[in-house]
């Protein structure tokens, strides 16, 4: 039995909200950890070049 169209729309909205929530969490994590990750990459690159 196919779903009525209003239930299909509800499912689409739920998936969209989950996607937005995941995107916000990823952005917050990157904003908090970005400087630390950048420093770590710089340190690794310096070690590879022989400067560290």
N, C-alpha and C. Protein backbone atom coordinates (compact mmCIF):
# COMPACT_ATOMS: atom_id res chain seq x y z
N UNK A 1 0.85 -1.18 0.00
CA UNK A 1 0.00 0.00 0.00
C UNK A 1 0.90 1.24 0.00
N UNK A 2 0.77 2.12 -0.98
CA UNK A 2 1.62 3.31 -1.04
C UNK A 2 1.29 4.31 0.06
N UNK A 3 2.31 5.04 0.47
CA UNK A 3 2.11 6.07 1.49
C UNK A 3 1.33 7.24 0.90
N UNK A 4 0.47 7.84 1.70
CA UNK A 4 -0.14 9.09 1.24
C UNK A 4 0.93 10.15 1.05
N UNK A 5 0.67 11.11 0.19
CA UNK A 5 1.70 12.09 -0.17
C UNK A 5 2.14 12.94 1.02
N UNK A 6 1.26 13.19 1.99
CA UNK A 6 1.68 14.00 3.13
C UNK A 6 2.70 13.27 4.00
N UNK A 7 2.63 11.93 4.06
CA UNK A 7 3.62 11.17 4.82
C UNK A 7 4.96 11.16 4.10
N UNK A 8 4.94 11.12 2.78
CA UNK A 8 6.19 11.18 2.02
C UNK A 8 6.86 12.53 2.24
N UNK A 9 6.09 13.59 2.25
CA UNK A 9 6.63 14.92 2.51
C UNK A 9 7.22 15.03 3.90
N UNK A 10 6.55 14.39 4.87
CA UNK A 10 7.05 14.42 6.24
C UNK A 10 8.40 13.71 6.31
N UNK A 11 8.54 12.58 5.64
CA UNK A 11 9.81 11.86 5.64
C UNK A 11 10.91 12.69 5.01
N UNK A 12 10.60 13.39 3.94
CA UNK A 12 11.58 14.24 3.28
C UNK A 12 12.04 15.36 4.20
N UNK A 13 11.12 15.96 4.92
CA UNK A 13 11.46 17.03 5.86
C UNK A 13 12.33 16.49 6.99
N UNK A 14 12.01 15.29 7.47
CA UNK A 14 12.82 14.71 8.54
C UNK A 14 14.25 14.46 8.07
N UNK A 15 14.41 13.93 6.87
CA UNK A 15 15.76 13.70 6.34
C UNK A 15 16.49 15.02 6.15
N UNK A 16 15.80 16.05 5.70
CA UNK A 16 16.43 17.36 5.51
C UNK A 16 16.88 17.93 6.85
N UNK A 17 16.07 17.79 7.89
CA UNK A 17 16.45 18.28 9.21
C UNK A 17 17.66 17.54 9.76
N UNK A 18 17.70 16.23 9.56
CA UNK A 18 18.85 15.45 10.01
C UNK A 18 20.10 15.90 9.27
N UNK A 19 19.99 16.12 7.97
CA UNK A 19 21.13 16.57 7.17
C UNK A 19 21.63 17.93 7.66
N UNK A 20 20.72 18.84 7.95
CA UNK A 20 21.10 20.16 8.46
C UNK A 20 21.78 20.03 9.82
N UNK A 21 21.25 19.19 10.68
CA UNK A 21 21.85 18.99 12.00
C UNK A 21 23.27 18.44 11.88
N UNK A 22 23.47 17.46 11.03
CA UNK A 22 24.81 16.89 10.83
C UNK A 22 25.75 17.95 10.29
N UNK A 23 25.28 18.77 9.34
CA UNK A 23 26.13 19.82 8.77
C UNK A 23 26.53 20.83 9.85
N UNK A 24 25.61 21.21 10.71
CA UNK A 24 25.92 22.17 11.77
C UNK A 24 26.95 21.58 12.73
N UNK A 25 26.79 20.32 13.09
CA UNK A 25 27.74 19.67 14.00
C UNK A 25 29.13 19.62 13.38
N UNK A 26 29.21 19.27 12.09
CA UNK A 26 30.51 19.22 11.41
C UNK A 26 31.15 20.61 11.38
N UNK A 27 30.37 21.63 11.09
CA UNK A 27 30.91 23.00 11.04
C UNK A 27 31.43 23.43 12.41
N UNK A 28 30.70 23.12 13.46
CA UNK A 28 31.13 23.48 14.82
C UNK A 28 32.42 22.74 15.18
N UNK A 29 32.48 21.46 14.87
CA UNK A 29 33.69 20.68 15.18
C UNK A 29 34.89 21.24 14.42
N UNK A 30 34.70 21.54 13.13
CA UNK A 30 35.81 22.09 12.35
C UNK A 30 36.23 23.46 12.87
N UNK A 31 35.27 24.26 13.31
CA UNK A 31 35.61 25.58 13.84
C UNK A 31 36.41 25.46 15.14
N UNK A 32 36.07 24.48 15.96
CA UNK A 32 36.77 24.30 17.23
C UNK A 32 38.14 23.65 17.05
N UNK A 33 38.22 22.68 16.15
CA UNK A 33 39.46 21.92 15.99
C UNK A 33 40.33 22.41 14.84
N UNK A 34 39.84 23.34 14.06
CA UNK A 34 40.58 23.81 12.89
C UNK A 34 41.98 24.28 13.18
N UNK A 35 42.17 25.18 14.15
CA UNK A 35 43.53 25.64 14.45
C UNK A 35 44.46 24.50 14.89
N UNK A 36 43.97 23.59 15.69
CA UNK A 36 44.80 22.48 16.16
C UNK A 36 45.18 21.58 14.99
N UNK A 37 44.24 21.33 14.09
CA UNK A 37 44.54 20.50 12.93
C UNK A 37 45.56 21.19 12.03
N UNK A 38 45.42 22.50 11.86
CA UNK A 38 46.37 23.26 11.05
C UNK A 38 47.77 23.20 11.62
N UNK A 39 47.89 23.33 12.94
CA UNK A 39 49.20 23.25 13.58
C UNK A 39 49.81 21.86 13.42
N UNK A 40 48.98 20.84 13.54
CA UNK A 40 49.46 19.47 13.39
C UNK A 40 49.97 19.23 11.96
N UNK A 41 49.23 19.69 10.97
CA UNK A 41 49.65 19.54 9.57
C UNK A 41 50.95 20.30 9.33
N UNK A 42 51.06 21.51 9.87
CA UNK A 42 52.29 22.29 9.72
C UNK A 42 53.48 21.57 10.34
N UNK A 43 53.27 20.98 11.50
CA UNK A 43 54.33 20.24 12.17
C UNK A 43 54.76 19.03 11.35
N UNK A 44 53.80 18.33 10.80
CA UNK A 44 54.11 17.16 9.96
C UNK A 44 54.89 17.59 8.72
N UNK A 45 54.45 18.66 8.09
CA UNK A 45 55.13 19.15 6.89
C UNK A 45 56.56 19.59 7.21
N UNK A 46 56.76 20.23 8.36
CA UNK A 46 58.10 20.65 8.76
C UNK A 46 58.99 19.44 8.99
N UNK A 47 58.44 18.39 9.59
CA UNK A 47 59.21 17.17 9.82
C UNK A 47 59.59 16.51 8.50
N UNK A 48 58.67 16.51 7.55
CA UNK A 48 58.96 15.91 6.25
C UNK A 48 60.07 16.67 5.54
N UNK A 49 60.04 17.99 5.64
CA UNK A 49 61.06 18.82 5.00
C UNK A 49 62.40 18.74 5.72
N UNK A 50 62.41 18.22 6.92
CA UNK A 50 63.65 18.10 7.67
C UNK A 50 63.90 19.27 8.59
N UNK A 51 62.90 20.10 8.80
CA UNK A 51 63.09 21.26 9.65
C UNK A 51 62.69 21.03 11.08
N UNK A 52 62.23 19.85 11.43
CA UNK A 52 61.70 19.71 12.75
C UNK A 52 62.43 18.75 13.60
